[in-house]
Amino acid sequence: MAYTVIVDTDKCVGCGECVDICPVSVYEMTDGKCDVVAAEECLGCESCTGVCEHDAIVIEEV
């Protein structure tokens, strides 16, 4: 399965929790915000959405 990973940079506060919890390194911090760098690696586990207290991340099945 493939997933689309969307980060709302207006909501992202740059805490880095998503970067730390992602098991396949979908995210990196860029200029103090979460940046999707490997969306094709996303497993759809939604660990990142679970730790994001600001609801800045959306994972959608393609």
N, C-alpha and C. Protein backbone atom coordinates (compact mmCIF):
# COMPACT_ATOMS: atom_id res chain seq x y z
N MET A 1 0.82 -1.18 0.00
CA MET A 1 0.00 0.00 0.00
C MET A 1 0.87 1.25 0.00
N ALA A 2 0.32 2.29 -0.57
CA ALA A 2 1.03 3.57 -0.61
C ALA A 2 0.26 4.61 0.19
N TYR A 3 1.00 5.55 0.73
CA TYR A 3 0.40 6.58 1.57
C TYR A 3 0.89 7.96 1.16
N THR A 4 0.02 8.93 1.30
CA THR A 4 0.38 10.32 1.13
C THR A 4 0.59 10.88 2.52
N VAL A 5 1.68 11.59 2.71
CA VAL A 5 2.01 12.17 4.00
C VAL A 5 1.99 13.69 3.85
N ILE A 6 1.14 14.34 4.65
CA ILE A 6 0.99 15.79 4.56
C ILE A 6 1.31 16.41 5.91
N VAL A 7 2.19 17.41 5.90
CA VAL A 7 2.51 18.17 7.12
C VAL A 7 2.05 19.60 6.91
N ASP A 8 1.17 20.06 7.80
CA ASP A 8 0.71 21.45 7.78
C ASP A 8 1.75 22.28 8.54
N THR A 9 2.59 22.98 7.80
CA THR A 9 3.68 23.73 8.43
C THR A 9 3.18 24.89 9.28
N ASP A 10 1.96 25.33 9.06
CA ASP A 10 1.39 26.37 9.91
C ASP A 10 1.08 25.83 11.30
N LYS A 11 0.75 24.55 11.39
CA LYS A 11 0.44 23.92 12.68
C LYS A 11 1.69 23.34 13.35
N CYS A 12 2.68 22.97 12.57
CA CYS A 12 3.90 22.36 13.11
C CYS A 12 4.68 23.36 13.96
N VAL A 13 5.01 22.92 15.18
CA VAL A 13 5.79 23.78 16.09
C VAL A 13 7.26 23.36 16.15
N GLY A 14 7.63 22.34 15.38
CA GLY A 14 9.02 21.93 15.31
C GLY A 14 9.54 21.16 16.50
N CYS A 15 8.67 20.42 17.16
CA CYS A 15 9.08 19.66 18.35
C CYS A 15 9.96 18.46 18.00
N GLY A 16 9.80 17.92 16.79
CA GLY A 16 10.62 16.79 16.36
C GLY A 16 10.15 15.42 16.82
N GLU A 17 9.02 15.36 17.50
CA GLU A 17 8.50 14.08 17.99
C GLU A 17 8.24 13.11 16.83
N CYS A 18 7.72 13.60 15.73
CA CYS A 18 7.42 12.74 14.58
C CYS A 18 8.70 12.17 13.98
N VAL A 19 9.74 12.99 13.93
CA VAL A 19 11.03 12.55 13.41
C VAL A 19 11.58 11.42 14.27
N ASP A 20 11.46 11.59 15.58
CA ASP A 20 12.00 10.60 16.52
C ASP A 20 11.23 9.29 16.51
N ILE A 21 9.92 9.33 16.32
CA ILE A 21 9.11 8.11 16.46
C ILE A 21 8.95 7.34 15.15
N CYS A 22 9.15 7.97 14.02
CA CYS A 22 8.94 7.29 12.73
C CYS A 22 9.94 6.15 12.55
N PRO A 23 9.45 4.92 12.35
CA PRO A 23 10.36 3.78 12.24
C PRO A 23 11.12 3.69 10.92
N VAL A 24 10.70 4.47 9.92
CA VAL A 24 11.35 4.38 8.61
C VAL A 24 11.88 5.73 8.10
N SER A 25 12.04 6.69 8.99
CA SER A 25 12.65 7.99 8.67
C SER A 25 11.98 8.74 7.52
N VAL A 26 10.66 8.85 7.61
CA VAL A 26 9.90 9.62 6.62
C VAL A 26 10.19 11.11 6.76
N TYR A 27 10.51 11.56 7.97
CA TYR A 27 10.65 12.98 8.26
C TYR A 27 12.07 13.38 8.63
N GLU A 28 12.35 14.67 8.38
CA GLU A 28 13.55 15.33 8.86
C GLU A 28 13.15 16.73 9.29
N MET A 29 13.93 17.33 10.16
CA MET A 29 13.68 18.71 10.53
C MET A 29 14.40 19.62 9.54
N THR A 30 13.67 20.59 9.00
CA THR A 30 14.22 21.56 8.06
C THR A 30 13.75 22.94 8.47
N ASP A 31 14.68 23.82 8.74
CA ASP A 31 14.36 25.18 9.16
C ASP A 31 13.38 25.21 10.33
N GLY A 32 13.56 24.30 11.28
CA GLY A 32 12.75 24.28 12.48
C GLY A 32 11.36 23.70 12.33
N LYS A 33 11.10 23.05 11.21
CA LYS A 33 9.79 22.43 10.96
C LYS A 33 9.99 21.01 10.46
N CYS A 34 8.96 20.19 10.63
CA CYS A 34 8.98 18.83 10.12
C CYS A 34 8.85 18.88 8.60
N ASP A 35 9.66 18.08 7.92
CA ASP A 35 9.65 18.03 6.46
C ASP A 35 9.57 16.57 6.02
N VAL A 36 8.68 16.28 5.09
CA VAL A 36 8.53 14.93 4.56
C VAL A 36 9.64 14.72 3.52
N VAL A 37 10.54 13.77 3.79
CA VAL A 37 11.66 13.54 2.88
C VAL A 37 11.63 12.15 2.24
N ALA A 38 10.77 11.26 2.74
CA ALA A 38 10.70 9.91 2.18
C ALA A 38 9.29 9.34 2.31
N ALA A 39 8.32 10.03 1.74
CA ALA A 39 6.92 9.60 1.84
C ALA A 39 6.71 8.19 1.30
N GLU A 40 7.50 7.80 0.34
CA GLU A 40 7.36 6.47 -0.26
C GLU A 40 7.69 5.35 0.73
N GLU A 41 8.38 5.69 1.81
CA GLU A 41 8.74 4.72 2.84
C GLU A 41 7.65 4.55 3.90
N CYS A 42 6.65 5.42 3.91
CA CYS A 42 5.63 5.42 4.96
C CYS A 42 4.91 4.07 5.03
N LEU A 43 4.79 3.55 6.24
CA LEU A 43 4.12 2.27 6.50
C LEU A 43 2.65 2.44 6.84
N GLY A 44 2.23 3.69 7.05
CA GLY A 44 0.85 3.94 7.44
C GLY A 44 0.56 3.60 8.89
N CYS A 45 1.58 3.52 9.71
CA CYS A 45 1.39 3.12 11.12
C CYS A 45 0.78 4.23 11.96
N GLU A 46 0.89 5.46 11.49
CA GLU A 46 0.34 6.64 12.14
C GLU A 46 0.92 6.92 13.52
N SER A 47 2.12 6.42 13.78
CA SER A 47 2.80 6.76 15.02
C SER A 47 3.02 8.27 15.12
N CYS A 48 3.33 8.86 13.99
CA CYS A 48 3.59 10.30 13.95
C CYS A 48 2.35 11.12 14.30
N THR A 49 1.21 10.71 13.79
CA THR A 49 -0.01 11.45 14.09
C THR A 49 -0.39 11.30 15.56
N GLY A 50 -0.02 10.18 16.14
CA GLY A 50 -0.31 9.95 17.55
C GLY A 50 0.49 10.83 18.49
N VAL A 51 1.72 11.18 18.10
CA VAL A 51 2.56 12.01 18.96
C VAL A 51 2.45 13.50 18.65
N CYS A 52 1.85 13.84 17.53
CA CYS A 52 1.72 15.25 17.15
C CYS A 52 0.55 15.88 17.89
N GLU A 53 0.88 16.69 18.89
CA GLU A 53 -0.15 17.33 19.72
C GLU A 53 -0.86 18.47 19.00
N HIS A 54 -0.36 18.85 17.83
CA HIS A 54 -0.92 19.99 17.11
C HIS A 54 -1.67 19.58 15.85
N ASP A 55 -1.86 18.27 15.67
CA ASP A 55 -2.58 17.73 14.50
C ASP A 55 -2.03 18.28 13.18
N ALA A 56 -0.71 18.35 13.09
CA ALA A 56 -0.07 18.90 11.90
C ALA A 56 0.17 17.87 10.81
N ILE A 57 -0.03 16.58 11.12
CA ILE A 57 0.28 15.51 10.16
C ILE A 57 -0.96 14.73 9.79
N VAL A 58 -1.11 14.49 8.49
CA VAL A 58 -2.21 13.68 7.99
C VAL A 58 -1.61 12.58 7.11
N ILE A 59 -2.02 11.35 7.36
CA ILE A 59 -1.60 10.20 6.54
C ILE A 59 -2.83 9.71 5.79
N GLU A 60 -2.74 9.64 4.46
CA GLU A 60 -3.88 9.18 3.66
C GLU A 60 -3.44 8.00 2.79
N GLU A 61 -4.26 6.97 2.76
CA GLU A 61 -4.00 5.84 1.89
C GLU A 61 -4.30 6.24 0.45
N VAL A 62 -3.39 5.88 -0.45
CA VAL A 62 -3.56 6.23 -1.87
C VAL A 62 -4.22 5.11 -2.61
